[in-house]
Amino acid sequence: ESLEEAYLYTMSLESSCFFLYHLE
């Protein structure tokens, strides 16, 4: 609904991917 919300999704996804990659 805003750029801030789209940014929140982007940063949350990237943070999750950071953890998943390192766990792998």
mmCIF file of all heavy atoms, coordinates in Angstrom:
data_MODEL
# 
_entry.id   MODEL 
# 
loop_
_atom_site.group_PDB 
_atom_site.id 
_atom_site.type_symbol 
_atom_site.label_atom_id 
_atom_site.label_alt_id 
_atom_site.label_comp_id 
_atom_site.label_asym_id 
_atom_site.label_entity_id 
_atom_site.label_seq_id 
_atom_site.pdbx_PDB_ins_code 
_atom_site.Cartn_x 
_atom_site.Cartn_y 
_atom_site.Cartn_z 
_atom_site.occupancy 
_atom_site.B_iso_or_equiv 
_atom_site.pdbx_formal_charge 
_atom_site.auth_seq_id 
_atom_site.auth_comp_id 
_atom_site.auth_asym_id 
_atom_site.auth_atom_id 
_atom_site.pdbx_PDB_model_num 
ATOM 1   N N   . GLU A 1 1  ? 0.829  -1.204  0.000  1.00 0.00 ? 1  GLU A N   1 
ATOM 2   C CA  . GLU A 1 1  ? 0.000  0.000   0.000  1.00 0.00 ? 1  GLU A CA  1 
ATOM 3   C C   . GLU A 1 1  ? 0.863  1.253   0.000  1.00 0.00 ? 1  GLU A C   1 
ATOM 4   O O   . GLU A 1 1  ? 0.361  2.346   -0.224 1.00 0.00 ? 1  GLU A O   1 
ATOM 5   C CB  . GLU A 1 1  ? -0.944 -0.015  1.200  1.00 0.00 ? 1  GLU A CB  1 
ATOM 6   C CG  . GLU A 1 1  ? -1.996 -1.114  1.100  1.00 0.00 ? 1  GLU A CG  1 
ATOM 7   C CD  . GLU A 1 1  ? -3.005 -1.074  2.220  1.00 0.00 ? 1  GLU A CD  1 
ATOM 8   O OE1 . GLU A 1 1  ? -3.142 -0.014  2.886  1.00 0.00 ? 1  GLU A OE1 1 
ATOM 9   O OE2 . GLU A 1 1  ? -3.668 -2.096  2.432  1.00 0.00 ? 1  GLU A OE2 1 
ATOM 10  N N   . SER A 1 2  ? 2.161  1.081   0.278  1.00 0.00 ? 2  SER A N   1 
ATOM 11  C CA  . SER A 1 2  ? 3.118  2.193   0.261  1.00 0.00 ? 2  SER A CA  1 
ATOM 12  C C   . SER A 1 2  ? 4.490  1.636   -0.075 1.00 0.00 ? 2  SER A C   1 
ATOM 13  O O   . SER A 1 2  ? 4.717  0.420   -0.003 1.00 0.00 ? 2  SER A O   1 
ATOM 14  C CB  . SER A 1 2  ? 3.167  2.866   1.644  1.00 0.00 ? 2  SER A CB  1 
ATOM 15  O OG  . SER A 1 2  ? 3.698  1.950   2.599  1.00 0.00 ? 2  SER A OG  1 
ATOM 16  N N   . LEU A 1 3  ? 5.412  2.516   -0.435 1.00 0.00 ? 3  LEU A N   1 
ATOM 17  C CA  . LEU A 1 3  ? 6.787  2.075   -0.679 1.00 0.00 ? 3  LEU A CA  1 
ATOM 18  C C   . LEU A 1 3  ? 7.400  1.503   0.591  1.00 0.00 ? 3  LEU A C   1 
ATOM 19  O O   . LEU A 1 3  ? 8.173  0.548   0.541  1.00 0.00 ? 3  LEU A O   1 
ATOM 20  C CB  . LEU A 1 3  ? 7.644  3.226   -1.208 1.00 0.00 ? 3  LEU A CB  1 
ATOM 21  C CG  . LEU A 1 3  ? 7.416  3.613   -2.666 1.00 0.00 ? 3  LEU A CG  1 
ATOM 22  C CD1 . LEU A 1 3  ? 8.216  4.863   -3.026 1.00 0.00 ? 3  LEU A CD1 1 
ATOM 23  C CD2 . LEU A 1 3  ? 7.767  2.470   -3.600 1.00 0.00 ? 3  LEU A CD2 1 
ATOM 24  N N   . GLU A 1 4  ? 7.026  2.073   1.734  1.00 0.00 ? 4  GLU A N   1 
ATOM 25  C CA  . GLU A 1 4  ? 7.538  1.569   3.002  1.00 0.00 ? 4  GLU A CA  1 
ATOM 26  C C   . GLU A 1 4  ? 7.110  0.130   3.244  1.00 0.00 ? 4  GLU A C   1 
ATOM 27  O O   . GLU A 1 4  ? 7.892  -0.696  3.707  1.00 0.00 ? 4  GLU A O   1 
ATOM 28  C CB  . GLU A 1 4  ? 7.076  2.460   4.175  1.00 0.00 ? 4  GLU A CB  1 
ATOM 29  C CG  . GLU A 1 4  ? 7.712  3.825   4.212  1.00 0.00 ? 4  GLU A CG  1 
ATOM 30  C CD  . GLU A 1 4  ? 7.033  4.840   3.285  1.00 0.00 ? 4  GLU A CD  1 
ATOM 31  O OE1 . GLU A 1 4  ? 5.979  4.522   2.663  1.00 0.00 ? 4  GLU A OE1 1 
ATOM 32  O OE2 . GLU A 1 4  ? 7.562  5.951   3.157  1.00 0.00 ? 4  GLU A OE2 1 
ATOM 33  N N   . GLU A 1 5  ? 5.862  -0.203  2.912  1.00 0.00 ? 5  GLU A N   1 
ATOM 34  C CA  . GLU A 1 5  ? 5.386  -1.568  3.088  1.00 0.00 ? 5  GLU A CA  1 
ATOM 35  C C   . GLU A 1 5  ? 6.113  -2.517  2.130  1.00 0.00 ? 5  GLU A C   1 
ATOM 36  O O   . GLU A 1 5  ? 6.546  -3.606  2.525  1.00 0.00 ? 5  GLU A O   1 
ATOM 37  C CB  . GLU A 1 5  ? 3.876  -1.668  2.868  1.00 0.00 ? 5  GLU A CB  1 
ATOM 38  C CG  . GLU A 1 5  ? 3.337  -3.064  3.092  1.00 0.00 ? 5  GLU A CG  1 
ATOM 39  C CD  . GLU A 1 5  ? 1.845  -3.188  2.843  1.00 0.00 ? 5  GLU A CD  1 
ATOM 40  O OE1 . GLU A 1 5  ? 1.171  -2.185  2.525  1.00 0.00 ? 5  GLU A OE1 1 
ATOM 41  O OE2 . GLU A 1 5  ? 1.349  -4.324  2.956  1.00 0.00 ? 5  GLU A OE2 1 
ATOM 42  N N   . ALA A 1 6  ? 6.260  -2.125  0.874  1.00 0.00 ? 6  ALA A N   1 
ATOM 43  C CA  . ALA A 1 6  ? 6.979  -2.955  -0.095 1.00 0.00 ? 6  ALA A CA  1 
ATOM 44  C C   . ALA A 1 6  ? 8.434  -3.140  0.345  1.00 0.00 ? 6  ALA A C   1 
ATOM 45  O O   . ALA A 1 6  ? 9.006  -4.224  0.192  1.00 0.00 ? 6  ALA A O   1 
ATOM 46  C CB  . ALA A 1 6  ? 6.900  -2.334  -1.488 1.00 0.00 ? 6  ALA A CB  1 
ATOM 47  N N   . TYR A 1 7  ? 9.024  -2.107  0.918  1.00 0.00 ? 7  TYR A N   1 
ATOM 48  C CA  . TYR A 1 7  ? 10.394 -2.189  1.440  1.00 0.00 ? 7  TYR A CA  1 
ATOM 49  C C   . TYR A 1 7  ? 10.461 -3.157  2.620  1.00 0.00 ? 7  TYR A C   1 
ATOM 50  O O   . TYR A 1 7  ? 11.398 -3.952  2.738  1.00 0.00 ? 7  TYR A O   1 
ATOM 51  C CB  . TYR A 1 7  ? 10.879 -0.793  1.858  1.00 0.00 ? 7  TYR A CB  1 
ATOM 52  C CG  . TYR A 1 7  ? 12.272 -0.771  2.419  1.00 0.00 ? 7  TYR A CG  1 
ATOM 53  C CD1 . TYR A 1 7  ? 13.378 -0.892  1.581  1.00 0.00 ? 7  TYR A CD1 1 
ATOM 54  C CD2 . TYR A 1 7  ? 12.491 -0.614  3.784  1.00 0.00 ? 7  TYR A CD2 1 
ATOM 55  C CE1 . TYR A 1 7  ? 14.668 -0.865  2.095  1.00 0.00 ? 7  TYR A CE1 1 
ATOM 56  C CE2 . TYR A 1 7  ? 13.774 -0.588  4.302  1.00 0.00 ? 7  TYR A CE2 1 
ATOM 57  C CZ  . TYR A 1 7  ? 14.855 -0.714  3.461  1.00 0.00 ? 7  TYR A CZ  1 
ATOM 58  O OH  . TYR A 1 7  ? 16.133 -0.686  3.967  1.00 0.00 ? 7  TYR A OH  1 
ATOM 59  N N   . LEU A 1 8  ? 9.449  -3.133  3.491  1.00 0.00 ? 8  LEU A N   1 
ATOM 60  C CA  . LEU A 1 8  ? 9.389  -4.056  4.628  1.00 0.00 ? 8  LEU A CA  1 
ATOM 61  C C   . LEU A 1 8  ? 9.388  -5.509  4.141  1.00 0.00 ? 8  LEU A C   1 
ATOM 62  O O   . LEU A 1 8  ? 10.130 -6.349  4.661  1.00 0.00 ? 8  LEU A O   1 
ATOM 63  C CB  . LEU A 1 8  ? 8.152  -3.784  5.479  1.00 0.00 ? 8  LEU A CB  1 
ATOM 64  C CG  . LEU A 1 8  ? 7.870  -4.801  6.583  1.00 0.00 ? 8  LEU A CG  1 
ATOM 65  C CD1 . LEU A 1 8  ? 8.918  -4.716  7.693  1.00 0.00 ? 8  LEU A CD1 1 
ATOM 66  C CD2 . LEU A 1 8  ? 6.476  -4.584  7.159  1.00 0.00 ? 8  LEU A CD2 1 
ATOM 67  N N   . TYR A 1 9  ? 8.575  -5.814  3.122  1.00 0.00 ? 9  TYR A N   1 
ATOM 68  C CA  . TYR A 1 9  ? 8.556  -7.170  2.564  1.00 0.00 ? 9  TYR A CA  1 
ATOM 69  C C   . TYR A 1 9  ? 9.914  -7.552  1.993  1.00 0.00 ? 9  TYR A C   1 
ATOM 70  O O   . TYR A 1 9  ? 10.400 -8.658  2.195  1.00 0.00 ? 9  TYR A O   1 
ATOM 71  C CB  . TYR A 1 9  ? 7.487  -7.307  1.476  1.00 0.00 ? 9  TYR A CB  1 
ATOM 72  C CG  . TYR A 1 9  ? 6.081  -7.238  2.009  1.00 0.00 ? 9  TYR A CG  1 
ATOM 73  C CD1 . TYR A 1 9  ? 5.171  -6.320  1.509  1.00 0.00 ? 9  TYR A CD1 1 
ATOM 74  C CD2 . TYR A 1 9  ? 5.648  -8.099  3.011  1.00 0.00 ? 9  TYR A CD2 1 
ATOM 75  C CE1 . TYR A 1 9  ? 3.880  -6.253  1.993  1.00 0.00 ? 9  TYR A CE1 1 
ATOM 76  C CE2 . TYR A 1 9  ? 4.348  -8.039  3.496  1.00 0.00 ? 9  TYR A CE2 1 
ATOM 77  C CZ  . TYR A 1 9  ? 3.472  -7.114  2.987  1.00 0.00 ? 9  TYR A CZ  1 
ATOM 78  O OH  . TYR A 1 9  ? 2.195  -7.046  3.475  1.00 0.00 ? 9  TYR A OH  1 
ATOM 79  N N   . THR A 1 10 ? 10.532 -6.608  1.291  1.00 0.00 ? 10 THR A N   1 
ATOM 80  C CA  . THR A 1 10 ? 11.828 -6.858  0.665  1.00 0.00 ? 10 THR A CA  1 
ATOM 81  C C   . THR A 1 10 ? 12.905 -7.133  1.708  1.00 0.00 ? 10 THR A C   1 
ATOM 82  O O   . THR A 1 10 ? 13.660 -8.103  1.593  1.00 0.00 ? 10 THR A O   1 
ATOM 83  C CB  . THR A 1 10 ? 12.240 -5.670  -0.230 1.00 0.00 ? 10 THR A CB  1 
ATOM 84  O OG1 . THR A 1 10 ? 11.218 -5.457  -1.204 1.00 0.00 ? 10 THR A OG1 1 
ATOM 85  C CG2 . THR A 1 10 ? 13.571 -5.915  -0.915 1.00 0.00 ? 10 THR A CG2 1 
ATOM 86  N N   . MET A 1 11 ? 12.970 -6.311  2.736  1.00 0.00 ? 11 MET A N   1 
ATOM 87  C CA  . MET A 1 11 ? 14.003 -6.476  3.752  1.00 0.00 ? 11 MET A CA  1 
ATOM 88  C C   . MET A 1 11 ? 13.748 -7.705  4.620  1.00 0.00 ? 11 MET A C   1 
ATOM 89  O O   . MET A 1 11 ? 14.693 -8.386  5.020  1.00 0.00 ? 11 MET A O   1 
ATOM 90  C CB  . MET A 1 11 ? 14.114 -5.210  4.615  1.00 0.00 ? 11 MET A CB  1 
ATOM 91  C CG  . MET A 1 11 ? 14.613 -4.002  3.815  1.00 0.00 ? 11 MET A CG  1 
ATOM 92  S SD  . MET A 1 11 ? 16.066 -4.321  2.773  1.00 0.00 ? 11 MET A SD  1 
ATOM 93  C CE  . MET A 1 11 ? 17.275 -4.776  3.990  1.00 0.00 ? 11 MET A CE  1 
ATOM 94  N N   . SER A 1 12 ? 12.498 -8.010  4.906  1.00 0.00 ? 12 SER A N   1 
ATOM 95  C CA  . SER A 1 12 ? 12.185 -9.217  5.680  1.00 0.00 ? 12 SER A CA  1 
ATOM 96  C C   . SER A 1 12 ? 12.551 -10.465 4.900  1.00 0.00 ? 12 SER A C   1 
ATOM 97  O O   . SER A 1 12 ? 13.121 -11.419 5.452  1.00 0.00 ? 12 SER A O   1 
ATOM 98  C CB  . SER A 1 12 ? 10.698 -9.247  6.042  1.00 0.00 ? 12 SER A CB  1 
ATOM 99  O OG  . SER A 1 12 ? 10.392 -8.193  6.916  1.00 0.00 ? 12 SER A OG  1 
ATOM 100 N N   . LEU A 1 13 ? 12.239 -10.468 3.615  1.00 0.00 ? 13 LEU A N   1 
ATOM 101 C CA  . LEU A 1 13 ? 12.602 -11.604 2.768  1.00 0.00 ? 13 LEU A CA  1 
ATOM 102 C C   . LEU A 1 13 ? 14.118 -11.762 2.718  1.00 0.00 ? 13 LEU A C   1 
ATOM 103 O O   . LEU A 1 13 ? 14.634 -12.871 2.881  1.00 0.00 ? 13 LEU A O   1 
ATOM 104 C CB  . LEU A 1 13 ? 12.036 -11.423 1.358  1.00 0.00 ? 13 LEU A CB  1 
ATOM 105 C CG  . LEU A 1 13 ? 12.383 -12.552 0.396  1.00 0.00 ? 13 LEU A CG  1 
ATOM 106 C CD1 . LEU A 1 13 ? 11.151 -12.962 -0.395 1.00 0.00 ? 13 LEU A CD1 1 
ATOM 107 C CD2 . LEU A 1 13 ? 13.483 -12.140 -0.541 1.00 0.00 ? 13 LEU A CD2 1 
ATOM 108 N N   . GLU A 1 14 ? 14.839 -10.682 2.512  1.00 0.00 ? 14 GLU A N   1 
ATOM 109 C CA  . GLU A 1 14 ? 16.297 -10.759 2.428  1.00 0.00 ? 14 GLU A CA  1 
ATOM 110 C C   . GLU A 1 14 ? 16.900 -11.239 3.746  1.00 0.00 ? 14 GLU A C   1 
ATOM 111 O O   . GLU A 1 14 ? 17.819 -12.056 3.759  1.00 0.00 ? 14 GLU A O   1 
ATOM 112 C CB  . GLU A 1 14 ? 16.893 -9.412  2.026  1.00 0.00 ? 14 GLU A CB  1 
ATOM 113 C CG  . GLU A 1 14 ? 18.413 -9.376  1.974  1.00 0.00 ? 14 GLU A CG  1 
ATOM 114 C CD  . GLU A 1 14 ? 19.066 -10.275 0.927  1.00 0.00 ? 14 GLU A CD  1 
ATOM 115 O OE1 . GLU A 1 14 ? 18.369 -11.033 0.209  1.00 0.00 ? 14 GLU A OE1 1 
ATOM 116 O OE2 . GLU A 1 14 ? 20.306 -10.244 0.835  1.00 0.00 ? 14 GLU A OE2 1 
ATOM 117 N N   . SER A 1 15 ? 16.366 -10.785 4.851  1.00 0.00 ? 15 SER A N   1 
ATOM 118 C CA  . SER A 1 15 ? 16.847 -11.232 6.156  1.00 0.00 ? 15 SER A CA  1 
ATOM 119 C C   . SER A 1 15 ? 16.622 -12.732 6.324  1.00 0.00 ? 15 SER A C   1 
ATOM 120 O O   . SER A 1 15 ? 17.516 -13.465 6.768  1.00 0.00 ? 15 SER A O   1 
ATOM 121 C CB  . SER A 1 15 ? 16.122 -10.459 7.262  1.00 0.00 ? 15 SER A CB  1 
ATOM 122 O OG  . SER A 1 15 ? 16.541 -10.889 8.527  1.00 0.00 ? 15 SER A OG  1 
ATOM 123 N N   . SER A 1 16 ? 15.444 -13.215 5.944  1.00 0.00 ? 16 SER A N   1 
ATOM 124 C CA  . SER A 1 16 ? 15.153 -14.650 6.019  1.00 0.00 ? 16 SER A CA  1 
ATOM 125 C C   . SER A 1 16 ? 16.089 -15.443 5.119  1.00 0.00 ? 16 SER A C   1 
ATOM 126 O O   . SER A 1 16 ? 16.567 -16.521 5.498  1.00 0.00 ? 16 SER A O   1 
ATOM 127 C CB  . SER A 1 16 ? 13.698 -14.925 5.623  1.00 0.00 ? 16 SER A CB  1 
ATOM 128 O OG  . SER A 1 16 ? 12.812 -14.380 6.570  1.00 0.00 ? 16 SER A OG  1 
ATOM 129 N N   . CYS A 1 17 ? 16.346 -14.932 3.922  1.00 0.00 ? 17 CYS A N   1 
ATOM 130 C CA  . CYS A 1 17 ? 17.250 -15.615 2.989  1.00 0.00 ? 17 CYS A CA  1 
ATOM 131 C C   . CYS A 1 17 ? 18.676 -15.648 3.529  1.00 0.00 ? 17 CYS A C   1 
ATOM 132 O O   . CYS A 1 17 ? 19.390 -16.644 3.352  1.00 0.00 ? 17 CYS A O   1 
ATOM 133 C CB  . CYS A 1 17 ? 17.208 -14.946 1.619  1.00 0.00 ? 17 CYS A CB  1 
ATOM 134 S SG  . CYS A 1 17 ? 15.680 -15.272 0.719  1.00 0.00 ? 17 CYS A SG  1 
ATOM 135 N N   . PHE A 1 18 ? 19.086 -14.596 4.215  1.00 0.00 ? 18 PHE A N   1 
ATOM 136 C CA  . PHE A 1 18 ? 20.406 -14.550 4.853  1.00 0.00 ? 18 PHE A CA  1 
ATOM 137 C C   . PHE A 1 18 ? 20.535 -15.712 5.837  1.00 0.00 ? 18 PHE A C   1 
ATOM 138 O O   . PHE A 1 18 ? 21.510 -16.465 5.816  1.00 0.00 ? 18 PHE A O   1 
ATOM 139 C CB  . PHE A 1 18 ? 20.599 -13.201 5.556  1.00 0.00 ? 18 PHE A CB  1 
ATOM 140 C CG  . PHE A 1 18 ? 21.866 -13.091 6.350  1.00 0.00 ? 18 PHE A CG  1 
ATOM 141 C CD1 . PHE A 1 18 ? 23.037 -12.668 5.744  1.00 0.00 ? 18 PHE A CD1 1 
ATOM 142 C CD2 . PHE A 1 18 ? 21.876 -13.400 7.702  1.00 0.00 ? 18 PHE A CD2 1 
ATOM 143 C CE1 . PHE A 1 18 ? 24.211 -12.567 6.484  1.00 0.00 ? 18 PHE A CE1 1 
ATOM 144 C CE2 . PHE A 1 18 ? 23.045 -13.294 8.445  1.00 0.00 ? 18 PHE A CE2 1 
ATOM 145 C CZ  . PHE A 1 18 ? 24.211 -12.878 7.834  1.00 0.00 ? 18 PHE A CZ  1 
ATOM 146 N N   . PHE A 1 19 ? 19.537 -15.873 6.702  1.00 0.00 ? 19 PHE A N   1 
ATOM 147 C CA  . PHE A 1 19 ? 19.562 -16.956 7.691  1.00 0.00 ? 19 PHE A CA  1 
ATOM 148 C C   . PHE A 1 19 ? 19.516 -18.326 7.011  1.00 0.00 ? 19 PHE A C   1 
ATOM 149 O O   . PHE A 1 19 ? 20.266 -19.232 7.373  1.00 0.00 ? 19 PHE A O   1 
ATOM 150 C CB  . PHE A 1 19 ? 18.400 -16.830 8.675  1.00 0.00 ? 19 PHE A CB  1 
ATOM 151 C CG  . PHE A 1 19 ? 18.511 -15.638 9.578  1.00 0.00 ? 19 PHE A CG  1 
ATOM 152 C CD1 . PHE A 1 19 ? 17.487 -14.703 9.628  1.00 0.00 ? 19 PHE A CD1 1 
ATOM 153 C CD2 . PHE A 1 19 ? 19.630 -15.435 10.376 1.00 0.00 ? 19 PHE A CD2 1 
ATOM 154 C CE1 . PHE A 1 19 ? 17.583 -13.598 10.455 1.00 0.00 ? 19 PHE A CE1 1 
ATOM 155 C CE2 . PHE A 1 19 ? 19.729 -14.331 11.211 1.00 0.00 ? 19 PHE A CE2 1 
ATOM 156 C CZ  . PHE A 1 19 ? 18.704 -13.408 11.243 1.00 0.00 ? 19 PHE A CZ  1 
ATOM 157 N N   . LEU A 1 20 ? 18.624 -18.492 6.043  1.00 0.00 ? 20 LEU A N   1 
ATOM 158 C CA  . LEU A 1 20 ? 18.485 -19.779 5.362  1.00 0.00 ? 20 LEU A CA  1 
ATOM 159 C C   . LEU A 1 20 ? 19.768 -20.180 4.642  1.00 0.00 ? 20 LEU A C   1 
ATOM 160 O O   . LEU A 1 20 ? 20.184 -21.341 4.690  1.00 0.00 ? 20 LEU A O   1 
ATOM 161 C CB  . LEU A 1 20 ? 17.313 -19.740 4.380  1.00 0.00 ? 20 LEU A CB  1 
ATOM 162 C CG  . LEU A 1 20 ? 15.931 -19.751 5.018  1.00 0.00 ? 20 LEU A CG  1 
ATOM 163 C CD1 . LEU A 1 20 ? 14.865 -19.376 3.986  1.00 0.00 ? 20 LEU A CD1 1 
ATOM 164 C CD2 . LEU A 1 20 ? 15.625 -21.107 5.638  1.00 0.00 ? 20 LEU A CD2 1 
ATOM 165 N N   . TYR A 1 21 ? 20.401 -19.227 3.971  1.00 0.00 ? 21 TYR A N   1 
ATOM 166 C CA  . TYR A 1 21 ? 21.647 -19.524 3.270  1.00 0.00 ? 21 TYR A CA  1 
ATOM 167 C C   . TYR A 1 21 ? 22.716 -19.996 4.249  1.00 0.00 ? 21 TYR A C   1 
ATOM 168 O O   . TYR A 1 21 ? 23.379 -21.009 4.027  1.00 0.00 ? 21 TYR A O   1 
ATOM 169 C CB  . TYR A 1 21 ? 22.141 -18.294 2.493  1.00 0.00 ? 21 TYR A CB  1 
ATOM 170 C CG  . TYR A 1 21 ? 23.507 -18.511 1.903  1.00 0.00 ? 21 TYR A CG  1 
ATOM 171 C CD1 . TYR A 1 21 ? 23.666 -19.279 0.747  1.00 0.00 ? 21 TYR A CD1 1 
ATOM 172 C CD2 . TYR A 1 21 ? 24.640 -17.980 2.502  1.00 0.00 ? 21 TYR A CD2 1 
ATOM 173 C CE1 . TYR A 1 21 ? 24.921 -19.500 0.204  1.00 0.00 ? 21 TYR A CE1 1 
ATOM 174 C CE2 . TYR A 1 21 ? 25.897 -18.195 1.970  1.00 0.00 ? 21 TYR A CE2 1 
ATOM 175 C CZ  . TYR A 1 21 ? 26.030 -18.958 0.830  1.00 0.00 ? 21 TYR A CZ  1 
ATOM 176 O OH  . TYR A 1 21 ? 27.276 -19.182 0.301  1.00 0.00 ? 21 TYR A OH  1 
ATOM 177 N N   . HIS A 1 22 ? 22.888 -19.262 5.338  1.00 0.00 ? 22 HIS A N   1 
ATOM 178 C CA  . HIS A 1 22 ? 23.926 -19.626 6.304  1.00 0.00 ? 22 HIS A CA  1 
ATOM 179 C C   . HIS A 1 22 ? 23.608 -20.936 7.007  1.00 0.00 ? 22 HIS A C   1 
ATOM 180 O O   . HIS A 1 22 ? 24.522 -21.709 7.312  1.00 0.00 ? 22 HIS A O   1 
ATOM 181 C CB  . HIS A 1 22 ? 24.168 -18.476 7.284  1.00 0.00 ? 22 HIS A CB  1 
ATOM 182 C CG  . HIS A 1 22 ? 24.933 -17.363 6.656  1.00 0.00 ? 22 HIS A CG  1 
ATOM 183 N ND1 . HIS A 1 22 ? 24.325 -16.307 6.036  1.00 0.00 ? 22 HIS A ND1 1 
ATOM 184 C CD2 . HIS A 1 22 ? 26.265 -17.174 6.500  1.00 0.00 ? 22 HIS A CD2 1 
ATOM 185 C CE1 . HIS A 1 22 ? 25.243 -15.500 5.540  1.00 0.00 ? 22 HIS A CE1 1 
ATOM 186 N NE2 . HIS A 1 22 ? 26.430 -16.013 5.800  1.00 0.00 ? 22 HIS A NE2 1 
ATOM 187 N N   . LEU A 1 23 ? 22.355 -21.212 7.251  1.00 0.00 ? 23 LEU A N   1 
ATOM 188 C CA  . LEU A 1 23 ? 21.984 -22.509 7.826  1.00 0.00 ? 23 LEU A CA  1 
ATOM 189 C C   . LEU A 1 23 ? 22.300 -23.652 6.860  1.00 0.00 ? 23 LEU A C   1 
ATOM 190 O O   . LEU A 1 23 ? 22.763 -24.719 7.282  1.00 0.00 ? 23 LEU A O   1 
ATOM 191 C CB  . LEU A 1 23 ? 20.508 -22.531 8.206  1.00 0.00 ? 23 LEU A CB  1 
ATOM 192 C CG  . LEU A 1 23 ? 20.148 -21.770 9.473  1.00 0.00 ? 23 LEU A CG  1 
ATOM 193 C CD1 . LEU A 1 23 ? 18.635 -21.651 9.617  1.00 0.00 ? 23 LEU A CD1 1 
ATOM 194 C CD2 . LEU A 1 23 ? 20.757 -22.446 10.691 1.00 0.00 ? 23 LEU A CD2 1 
ATOM 195 N N   . GLU A 1 24 ? 22.062 -23.437 5.567  1.00 0.00 ? 24 GLU A N   1 
ATOM 196 C CA  . GLU A 1 24 ? 22.410 -24.450 4.574  1.00 0.00 ? 24 GLU A CA  1 
ATOM 197 C C   . GLU A 1 24 ? 23.920 -24.705 4.570  1.00 0.00 ? 24 GLU A C   1 
ATOM 198 O O   . GLU A 1 24 ? 24.360 -25.852 4.508  1.00 0.00 ? 24 GLU A O   1 
ATOM 199 C CB  . GLU A 1 24 ? 21.963 -24.035 3.173  1.00 0.00 ? 24 GLU A CB  1 
ATOM 200 C CG  . GLU A 1 24 ? 20.503 -24.253 2.915  1.00 0.00 ? 24 GLU A CG  1 
ATOM 201 C CD  . GLU A 1 24 ? 20.110 -24.041 1.449  1.00 0.00 ? 24 GLU A CD  1 
ATOM 202 O OE1 . GLU A 1 24 ? 20.989 -24.117 0.559  1.00 0.00 ? 24 GLU A OE1 1 
ATOM 203 O OE2 . GLU A 1 24 ? 18.917 -23.811 1.210  1.00 0.00 ? 24 GLU A OE2 1 
# 
